[in-house]
Amino acid sequence: MNKTLTINLGGIVFHIDEDAYLVLDEYLKTLKKYFGNQEGSAEILSDIESRLAEILSGKRTESSQVVTLPEVNEVIAMMGRPVDIDPDGSAGTDGNTASEEKGNKRFFRDPGEKIIAGVCSGIGAYFRLDPVWVRLLFILFLAAGGSGILLYLVLWIVIPEAKTTSERLEMRGRKINLSNLQHSMREEVSELGQRIGAMTNGSAATLRRAGAVE
């Protein structure tokens, strides 16, 4: 007879047997150690927990409410381990290789490439199109009688914004696992740095022009 524990994983309460809990707890501790010093680690770890909870929740049935060791081992295999990213299990390597495996694809608004609300960039990401073409299509609808505005507003309301790294992966149909989460987060941090650099350079150039005018 196995002891059963109650845990909260990703905001969902699970009943889990003791052997499964020990393996899952050790896995999460390994992830915290691996991602601990990386930028965006809190979001990555939160996304991982949410994904684990989502998968385990999908395995619940009326006759099987307790998470078992085989189920924990299965979801860990799906998500991957740090050693799958870096052979030495450290976060010191570049970790820039993303998994090419396809995952579930969902519609989201893309806040990273938005001009207004990210509707067109989200559609572009979903269909692997340049957002410029999607925006041109909306302009054509607008020129044809204003329906483009109504359609955009409706999509703005019904399509959620991709707020987490997991959602941004789903928006592009990429599998949610450790390597893709890490790769996506590093891309976002790099893009943010580039935007801040561009803003700083732009502000410095404005100040120089203002000084020259004076």
Protein backbone atom coordinates (compact mmCIF):
# COMPACT_ATOMS: atom_id res chain seq x y z
CA MET A 1 0.00 0.00 0.00
CA ASN A 2 1.50 3.35 -1.10
CA LYS A 3 1.16 6.60 0.82
CA THR A 4 -0.77 9.28 -1.13
CA LEU A 5 0.07 12.98 -0.90
CA THR A 6 -1.78 16.10 -1.99
CA ILE A 7 0.17 18.72 -3.93
CA ASN A 8 -0.49 21.95 -5.81
CA LEU A 9 1.17 21.95 -9.23
CA GLY A 10 0.65 24.85 -11.59
CA GLY A 11 -2.39 25.96 -9.61
CA ILE A 12 -4.06 22.52 -9.82
CA VAL A 13 -4.44 20.18 -6.84
CA PHE A 14 -3.32 16.60 -7.42
CA HIS A 15 -3.31 13.43 -5.37
CA ILE A 16 -0.02 11.66 -6.01
CA ASP A 17 1.55 8.52 -4.61
CA GLU A 18 4.73 8.91 -2.60
CA ASP A 19 7.12 7.32 -5.12
CA ALA A 20 5.80 9.54 -7.91
CA TYR A 21 6.05 12.61 -5.68
CA LEU A 22 9.70 11.95 -4.84
CA VAL A 23 10.63 11.67 -8.53
CA LEU A 24 8.62 14.76 -9.49
CA ASP A 25 10.03 16.79 -6.59
CA GLU A 26 13.59 15.85 -7.54
CA TYR A 27 12.89 16.79 -11.18
CA LEU A 28 11.57 20.22 -10.21
CA LYS A 29 14.53 20.83 -7.90
CA THR A 30 16.89 19.95 -10.77
CA LEU A 31 15.09 22.42 -13.03
CA LYS A 32 15.26 25.19 -10.42
CA LYS A 33 18.98 24.60 -10.03
CA TYR A 34 19.53 24.56 -13.80
CA PHE A 35 17.44 27.64 -14.66
CA GLY A 36 18.01 29.50 -11.38
CA ASN A 37 20.61 32.00 -12.60
CA GLN A 38 19.17 32.57 -16.06
CA GLU A 39 17.15 35.61 -17.09
CA GLY A 40 13.46 34.82 -17.18
CA SER A 41 13.92 31.73 -15.01
CA ALA A 42 10.79 32.41 -12.96
CA GLU A 43 8.62 32.49 -16.09
CA ILE A 44 10.23 29.36 -17.53
CA LEU A 45 9.73 27.41 -14.30
CA SER A 46 6.13 28.62 -14.04
CA ASP A 47 5.49 27.56 -17.64
CA ILE A 48 7.03 24.14 -16.99
CA GLU A 49 4.88 23.57 -13.91
CA SER A 50 1.77 24.66 -15.80
CA ARG A 51 2.60 22.32 -18.67
CA LEU A 52 3.24 19.40 -16.31
CA ALA A 53 -0.07 20.11 -14.58
CA GLU A 54 -1.88 20.31 -17.91
CA ILE A 55 -0.55 16.93 -19.05
CA LEU A 56 -1.20 15.19 -15.74
CA SER A 57 -4.67 16.68 -15.52
CA GLY A 58 -5.47 15.23 -18.92
CA LYS A 59 -4.63 11.77 -17.61
CA ARG A 60 -7.20 11.90 -14.81
CA THR A 61 -10.25 9.66 -15.14
CA GLU A 62 -13.10 8.79 -12.80
CA SER A 63 -11.39 5.50 -11.98
CA SER A 64 -7.86 6.94 -11.75
CA GLN A 65 -7.48 10.09 -9.66
CA VAL A 66 -4.01 9.45 -8.22
CA VAL A 67 -0.85 10.39 -10.15
CA THR A 68 1.41 7.36 -10.42
CA LEU A 69 5.14 6.92 -10.99
CA PRO A 70 4.78 5.73 -14.63
CA GLU A 71 2.75 8.87 -15.39
CA VAL A 72 5.37 11.14 -13.83
CA ASN A 73 8.14 9.39 -15.76
CA GLU A 74 6.11 9.82 -18.95
CA VAL A 75 5.61 13.57 -18.58
CA ILE A 76 9.26 14.05 -17.63
CA ALA A 77 10.26 12.22 -20.82
CA MET A 78 7.93 14.50 -22.79
CA MET A 79 9.35 17.69 -21.28
CA GLY A 80 12.98 16.56 -21.26
CA ARG A 81 15.74 16.98 -18.70
CA PRO A 82 18.53 19.59 -18.46
CA VAL A 83 21.03 16.95 -19.58
CA ASP A 84 19.07 16.75 -22.86
CA ILE A 85 19.98 20.41 -23.46
CA ASP A 86 23.50 20.47 -22.02
CA PRO A 87 25.36 17.15 -21.71
CA ASP A 88 27.05 18.35 -18.51
CA GLY A 89 23.71 19.48 -17.06
CA SER A 90 24.92 23.04 -16.53
CA ALA A 91 23.48 26.29 -17.79
CA GLY A 92 26.85 27.54 -18.90
CA THR A 93 26.60 26.52 -22.57
CA ASP A 94 24.84 28.64 -25.16
CA GLY A 95 21.68 26.47 -25.23
CA ASN A 96 20.62 28.05 -28.52
CA THR A 97 19.42 24.85 -30.19
CA ALA A 98 15.64 24.57 -30.34
CA SER A 99 13.74 21.34 -30.80
CA GLU A 100 12.23 20.94 -34.27
CA GLU A 101 9.39 18.74 -33.02
CA LYS A 102 5.95 20.14 -33.78
CA GLY A 103 3.43 20.77 -31.03
CA ASN A 104 -0.16 21.89 -30.74
CA LYS A 105 -0.83 25.17 -32.52
CA ARG A 106 -3.25 27.79 -31.17
CA PHE A 107 -4.33 31.27 -32.19
CA PHE A 108 -2.87 34.04 -30.05
CA ARG A 109 -2.26 37.74 -30.52
CA ASP A 110 1.48 38.38 -30.73
CA PRO A 111 2.50 41.22 -28.39
CA GLY A 112 6.11 41.08 -29.50
CA GLU A 113 5.41 42.18 -33.08
CA LYS A 114 2.23 44.19 -32.58
CA ILE A 115 1.41 47.58 -34.03
CA ILE A 116 -2.02 47.89 -32.41
CA ALA A 117 -3.07 44.70 -30.62
CA GLY A 118 -0.99 41.97 -32.24
CA VAL A 119 -3.86 40.45 -34.25
CA CYS A 120 -2.08 40.49 -37.61
CA SER A 121 1.26 39.36 -36.19
CA GLY A 122 -0.52 36.53 -34.36
CA ILE A 123 -2.24 35.37 -37.54
CA GLY A 124 1.08 35.62 -39.37
CA ALA A 125 2.80 33.48 -36.72
CA TYR A 126 0.06 30.85 -36.88
CA PHE A 127 0.14 30.54 -40.68
CA ARG A 128 3.89 31.24 -40.98
CA LEU A 129 3.27 34.40 -42.97
CA ASP A 130 4.95 37.77 -42.86
CA PRO A 131 2.60 40.00 -40.77
CA VAL A 132 2.97 42.70 -43.44
CA TRP A 133 0.84 40.62 -45.84
CA VAL A 134 -1.84 40.11 -43.21
CA ARG A 135 -1.90 43.84 -42.49
CA LEU A 136 -2.22 44.60 -46.20
CA LEU A 137 -5.19 42.22 -46.36
CA PHE A 138 -6.91 44.11 -43.54
CA ILE A 139 -6.24 47.39 -45.36
CA LEU A 140 -7.89 45.95 -48.48
CA PHE A 141 -10.93 44.94 -46.42
CA LEU A 142 -10.99 48.46 -45.01
CA ALA A 143 -10.83 50.00 -48.48
CA ALA A 144 -13.66 47.70 -49.59
CA GLY A 145 -16.12 49.21 -47.15
CA GLY A 146 -14.84 49.31 -43.62
CA SER A 147 -15.29 45.64 -42.78
CA GLY A 148 -11.60 45.38 -41.91
CA ILE A 149 -12.07 47.49 -38.78
CA LEU A 150 -15.00 45.39 -37.54
CA LEU A 151 -13.17 42.13 -38.26
CA TYR A 152 -10.05 43.39 -36.48
CA LEU A 153 -12.05 44.43 -33.40
CA VAL A 154 -13.83 41.07 -33.25
CA LEU A 155 -10.52 39.18 -33.49
CA TRP A 156 -9.01 41.49 -30.89
CA ILE A 157 -11.78 40.45 -28.49
CA VAL A 158 -11.90 36.71 -29.19
CA ILE A 159 -8.19 35.92 -29.66
CA PRO A 160 -6.21 35.96 -26.38
CA GLU A 161 -2.78 37.56 -26.13
CA ALA A 162 0.24 35.26 -25.88
CA LYS A 163 1.46 36.29 -22.44
CA THR A 164 3.73 33.41 -21.46
CA THR A 165 6.61 31.67 -23.19
CA SER A 166 4.50 28.51 -23.52
CA GLU A 167 1.73 30.42 -25.26
CA ARG A 168 4.21 32.01 -27.65
CA LEU A 169 5.49 28.53 -28.52
CA GLU A 170 1.95 27.28 -29.10
CA MET A 171 1.30 30.31 -31.31
CA ARG A 172 4.05 29.07 -33.63
CA GLY A 173 3.19 25.37 -33.30
CA ARG A 174 6.42 24.51 -31.48
CA LYS A 175 6.53 21.75 -28.88
CA ILE A 176 6.56 22.90 -25.27
CA ASN A 177 9.66 21.30 -23.77
CA LEU A 178 12.76 22.45 -21.90
CA SER A 179 14.91 23.21 -24.94
CA ASN A 180 12.21 25.25 -26.71
CA LEU A 181 11.25 27.14 -23.55
CA GLN A 182 14.88 28.07 -22.92
CA HIS A 183 15.54 28.97 -26.55
CA SER A 184 12.39 31.11 -26.79
CA MET A 185 13.13 32.94 -23.56
CA ARG A 186 16.68 33.75 -24.68
CA GLU A 187 15.33 35.05 -27.98
CA GLU A 188 12.90 37.31 -26.11
CA VAL A 189 15.62 38.62 -23.79
CA SER A 190 17.88 39.31 -26.78
CA GLU A 191 15.09 41.12 -28.67
CA LEU A 192 14.28 43.20 -25.60
CA GLY A 193 17.94 44.16 -25.28
CA GLN A 194 18.04 45.20 -28.92
CA ARG A 195 14.90 47.34 -28.52
CA ILE A 196 16.27 49.04 -25.42
CA GLY A 197 19.55 49.65 -27.25
CA ALA A 198 17.71 51.15 -30.22
CA MET A 199 15.65 53.40 -27.92
CA THR A 200 18.78 54.51 -26.07
CA ASN A 201 20.63 55.26 -29.30
CA GLY A 202 17.60 57.14 -30.62
CA SER A 203 17.33 59.22 -27.45
CA ALA A 204 21.06 60.00 -27.54
CA ALA A 205 20.82 61.09 -31.18
CA THR A 206 17.85 63.36 -30.36
CA LEU A 207 19.79 64.98 -27.53
CA ARG A 208 22.80 65.54 -29.81
CA ARG A 209 20.59 67.18 -32.44
CA ALA A 210 18.96 69.36 -29.81
CA GLY A 211 22.39 70.41 -28.55
CA ALA A 212 23.52 71.23 -32.07
CA VAL A 213 20.45 73.42 -32.63
CA GLU A 214 21.11 75.33 -29.43
